[in-house]
Amino acid sequence: MRRLVLVVSMVVLAGCNRDMFKPGVGAVATAGSARLSPERLADFVGEAKGAQLNSETADFIANVWVDYSLFAQAVAKGESLTDSATIAGAMWPQITELKATLWHDSLMAKRIKVTPDAVTQAYNAGDVRLFQHLLVRSSATATPEEKAAARKQAQKAVATIKGGAPFAQVASQVSQDPGSARDGGYLPVGPRGRFVPQFDSVAWNLAPGEMSGLVETPFGIHVIRRPPLAEVQDRFDQYLRQSEIGALDSLYMDSLASLKHLKIESGAPALMKEAISSPDKMSKSTKALAVYDGGKLTVHDFLRWARVLPPQVTGQLKTAPDSMLTRFARILSTNILLINQADSAGVQPSAAEWADMSRQYAQQLDTVKAHMDLAPAADSSASQAERLKVADAKVDAYMDQILTGSKRFIPLPSSLAMVLRERSKVDFSDAAVAKALEIGRARQAAKDSTGAKDSSKAAGPSGMQPAPGPAPVPSTPAPGN
C-alpha cells in the first residue's frame, strides 16, 4: 500500500494572525476570550524542563496554550466537535491520504500481474532468498559458561525440530529475536549480504527444506532453515508484488508529473524557507512554488501540509539545501496531482472506514478532555461565563502540569487546532513575547545571583566550599570497647 510522503503528528503550531505589538495590547496571545500575559508565559518557559530561554521555545509554548484554550472554550460553550464537518476538517490529512492510497492501489492492482510461474522462477533463481531462524542470544562478552548454556539451549531446540516439531512452532517458543519469533522465525525476502557474514555464508548454502547446525554470530547462536517453495509461495508472491509496485509507482508518478507539465519555480526553495520561518506572515500567500496544468502549488498549500508534519521535519526544511527543497516541492505536487485524480474519480472512504476514523477521533477528544480535567467546564448547571472561567483555569493548570512533567503532553487530534483557529479570533504580539523573555531572563539572573550569594556565605572567609553531605560525627564505638 502506498502512503503519502507527508504524515501527521503532534499539535499544529501555526495558522493564526500575528499582529505586531500595539499600544494597549499587552497580551502575548489572545485565543477567543482568553489572554496570555507576558508574565504567565515567562512562568511557563521557566517551568519547561530542559527548554532554552529563546523565542522558539516561547512561540511553541504560546501556540500550545492557544490550541488548548480554544479547545477548552469549545467544550465550555457546548460546541459540537464531533459533527461530520468538524471531523472532516480535523481529519483531512488522514482522509486525503486514504483517498490517495485507495486510488493508487486500484491503479496498481490493474497493472500488476504476478503468476505462479513468476514466483517459482524467483524462488529458484536464487537472486533473493527467504530464511527462517531461531536465536538464542549470547553477547560477545559472554563467559564460556554462558556461551555453553546458550549452545545447549539451541541444541535442545534442534533436537525438538528433528523429533518432528515444526520449525515455526519451535522458533515462536524459543527464539529470542522478538520480531521474527512472532512470525514463526521467518525473515524478509532479500538478497545476499543482508545479514552478517557468519549468518549469510551458512544460509546461502542451504538447499530448499534444509536446516543448519548451530551458527554463532555476534548476536548469539542461530539455527537457520531455508523453507521449501510450497511453504513460502505466498510470501514470495507478496515480495514480487511489492517490488513491482515500487517500480511502477515511480514510473506512474513521473508520468503523471510529465502529463500535467509539472514545473517547480526557480524561487521555490527561498519561498519555502521563508514560509517555514514566518508561517503567520506567509500563511495566505498565493505565490506559486510549482505550476501544472489546471493548477499550482502555492505557499499557502505548502504551509497547510507543513503544519501537520513532525517538528523535526519542518526543522530540517529550514536548513535544507535548495536541491532537497525542490525535490520536496515536486513530491508534494505529484501527491496533490494524485489526490486530484482520486477526487475526479469520486474516491471516498467507505462507511466502515469513515466510522473507524470518527471513532478514533472521538477517542482522542475524550483522552484530551480527561487529561485536561474539562468535565467541570462542561457542567450545564453553570452559566456559560462560569464555564469559560473554569475552562481557562483548567488550561492554565494543565500547562503547568505538562511543562513540569507531572502530566503527559496529549496533542489535539490532527488538524483540529487549525479548525478551531479558523472559527475564533487568534492574535499574537511579537513585542509581548520579547517582554516575556525579558522577564524570564531577569528571573533567571536573579536566581543565579541568589545562588551565588548563598554559595559565598556557605564557603566562609577562606572561600573554601564545604564538603558534600552531613557534618562528620564521631564513629560509634564497637561493642565491647
Foldseek 3Di string as FASTA:
>chain_A
DDFAPFDFDFFQLDQAAADADDPPDQFQKDAFPDTHGLQLLLVLQVQFPPDDLDLVSSSRLVSQLNLLLLLLLCLLVVHDCQDPVNLCQQCVVVFLRVLLVVLLVVVLVVVDDDDLVNLVCVDVVQQKAKKFKAFQFDAPPHDPVRQVVSLVLLVVLVVVVVVPDDQLVSRLVHGPPVVCSVVSRIDAIDGQPPDDPQVRVVQSPDDAQDKDHWTQDNGGTMIMHGHHCVVCSVRSSVVVSVVVSVVVVVVVLVVLCVVFVKDFDPCLLVLQLVCLVPVNVCLPFQDFRMDTHPGGCGSNNVVVSVSRHPPVVSVCSNVPDPVVSSVVRSSVVSSVSSSVVSVVVVRGDDPVRVVVSSVVLVVLSVVVCVLLVSPVLNPPVDDSVVSSVVSSVSSSVSSSCCSNVVGPDRGHRGRSSNVSSVVRHMYRYPVSNVVSSVVSVVVVVVVVVVVVVVQQVCCPPVNHHDDPDDDDDDDDDDPPD
